[in-house]
Amino acid sequence: MISVGTDLIEIERIRRSLARYERFRERCFTEAERAYCDSRRNPAESYAGRFAGKEAVGKALGFGVARAFAWQEIEIVGRPKPAVRLSGRLAERAAAVGAASVDLSMTHSRELAQAVAIASGGD
């Protein structure tokens, strides 16, 4: 099985969410993700990349709607190549569809962050 998910988000939208919603960071990102993003020169870019990455992974696993899983069930770790750690319902879903691994690529410009996820395995 091979399945692809992608997402594109405006960095300014994430910047506004970080400023406006007190619990946005805690609801959507793990402690390790927050520590990494907050250590960067432009935290909103890193948060946006990870947000797009989580959306892309969810889509690759068949969860296209954000409310179908808890945001922290997808943790994006590692540098320079990001790796994906799944837990909870997303880990169960990955096992059920035969996704042994999820490969993730993230990038951003000044205005946009994009991610592509490829779930594969089984066959």
Protein backbone atom coordinates (compact mmCIF):
# COMPACT_ATOMS: atom_id res chain seq x y z
CA MET A 1 0.00 0.00 0.00
CA ILE A 2 1.10 3.52 -0.79
CA SER A 3 -0.92 6.59 0.12
CA VAL A 4 -0.07 10.28 -0.23
CA GLY A 5 -1.26 13.30 1.75
CA THR A 6 -0.35 16.94 1.26
CA ASP A 7 -1.11 20.26 2.91
CA LEU A 8 -0.34 23.92 2.31
CA ILE A 9 -0.91 26.63 4.91
CA GLU A 10 -0.28 30.35 5.23
CA ILE A 11 2.34 31.06 7.89
CA GLU A 12 0.47 34.23 8.87
CA ARG A 13 -2.61 32.14 9.74
CA ILE A 14 -0.53 30.12 12.21
CA ARG A 15 1.13 33.29 13.54
CA ARG A 16 -2.34 34.73 14.27
CA SER A 17 -3.48 31.49 15.94
CA LEU A 18 -0.38 31.46 18.14
CA ALA A 19 -1.08 35.04 19.23
CA ARG A 20 -4.86 34.78 19.55
CA TYR A 21 -5.49 31.35 21.07
CA GLU A 22 -3.72 30.70 24.33
CA ARG A 23 -4.02 26.89 24.15
CA PHE A 24 -3.26 26.44 20.44
CA ARG A 25 0.36 25.36 21.10
CA GLU A 26 -0.57 22.87 23.81
CA ARG A 27 -3.53 21.42 21.91
CA CYS A 28 -1.73 20.87 18.61
CA PHE A 29 1.93 20.27 19.43
CA THR A 30 3.84 18.01 21.78
CA GLU A 31 6.22 19.42 24.37
CA ALA A 32 9.23 18.48 22.20
CA GLU A 33 7.69 20.15 19.14
CA ARG A 34 6.98 23.32 21.12
CA ALA A 35 10.54 23.42 22.48
CA TYR A 36 11.96 23.06 18.98
CA CYS A 37 9.67 25.64 17.34
CA ASP A 38 10.06 28.17 20.15
CA SER A 39 13.85 27.92 19.85
CA ARG A 40 13.81 28.97 16.19
CA ARG A 41 14.39 32.52 14.94
CA ASN A 42 10.89 32.59 13.42
CA PRO A 43 8.74 30.18 15.47
CA ALA A 44 5.62 30.68 13.32
CA GLU A 45 7.41 29.17 10.28
CA SER A 46 8.33 26.05 12.24
CA TYR A 47 4.87 25.72 13.76
CA ALA A 48 3.28 26.15 10.31
CA GLY A 49 5.53 23.48 8.80
CA ARG A 50 4.64 21.03 11.53
CA PHE A 51 0.95 21.88 11.32
CA ALA A 52 1.01 21.20 7.58
CA GLY A 53 2.98 18.01 8.28
CA LYS A 54 0.34 16.76 10.70
CA GLU A 55 -2.43 17.51 8.20
CA ALA A 56 -0.51 15.72 5.43
CA VAL A 57 0.09 12.64 7.61
CA GLY A 58 -3.56 12.54 8.63
CA LYS A 59 -4.63 12.69 4.99
CA ALA A 60 -2.16 9.98 3.96
CA LEU A 61 -3.71 7.72 6.60
CA GLY A 62 -7.27 8.50 5.53
CA PHE A 63 -8.13 11.09 8.17
CA GLY A 64 -8.72 14.19 6.07
CA VAL A 65 -10.73 16.06 8.67
CA ALA A 66 -8.74 17.62 11.52
CA ARG A 67 -11.25 16.55 14.18
CA ALA A 68 -10.86 12.85 13.39
CA PHE A 69 -7.67 12.61 15.47
CA ALA A 70 -5.92 14.38 18.30
CA TRP A 71 -3.18 16.66 16.96
CA GLN A 72 -0.63 15.29 19.39
CA GLU A 73 -1.09 11.75 18.01
CA ILE A 74 1.30 12.86 15.27
CA GLU A 75 4.69 14.05 16.49
CA ILE A 76 7.24 15.40 14.02
CA VAL A 77 10.78 14.90 15.25
CA GLY A 78 14.30 15.09 13.91
CA ARG A 79 16.49 17.38 11.91
CA PRO A 80 17.32 17.94 9.15
CA LYS A 81 15.04 15.15 7.84
CA PRO A 82 11.78 15.07 9.77
CA ALA A 83 10.50 11.75 11.11
CA VAL A 84 6.96 10.91 12.18
CA ARG A 85 5.91 9.26 15.46
CA LEU A 86 2.32 8.08 15.69
CA SER A 87 0.28 7.25 18.78
CA GLY A 88 -3.33 6.65 19.75
CA ARG A 89 -5.96 6.34 17.02
CA LEU A 90 -3.49 7.34 14.29
CA ALA A 91 -1.12 4.50 15.23
CA GLU A 92 -4.08 2.10 15.21
CA ARG A 93 -5.22 3.43 11.84
CA ALA A 94 -1.71 3.07 10.36
CA ALA A 95 -1.59 -0.56 11.49
CA ALA A 96 -5.09 -1.25 10.16
CA VAL A 97 -4.29 0.06 6.67
CA GLY A 98 -0.86 -1.59 6.60
CA ALA A 99 1.20 1.59 6.77
CA ALA A 100 4.48 0.39 8.22
CA SER A 101 6.13 3.79 7.73
CA VAL A 102 5.29 7.40 6.99
CA ASP A 103 7.82 9.52 5.11
CA LEU A 104 7.44 13.28 5.44
CA SER A 105 8.86 16.26 3.58
CA MET A 106 8.26 19.84 4.72
CA THR A 107 9.24 23.19 3.23
CA HIS A 108 8.30 26.85 3.52
CA SER A 109 8.67 30.16 1.77
CA ARG A 110 8.21 33.53 3.44
CA GLU A 111 4.44 33.15 3.23
CA LEU A 112 3.55 29.46 2.94
CA ALA A 113 4.44 26.15 4.57
CA GLN A 114 3.90 22.87 2.71
CA ALA A 115 4.20 19.22 3.60
CA VAL A 116 3.88 15.95 1.72
CA ALA A 117 3.49 12.62 3.52
CA ILE A 118 3.76 9.14 2.00
CA ALA A 119 2.44 6.21 3.99
CA SER A 120 3.72 2.86 2.78
CA GLY A 121 4.12 -0.76 3.74
CA GLY A 122 2.42 -4.07 3.64
CA ASP A 123 2.61 -5.04 -0.01
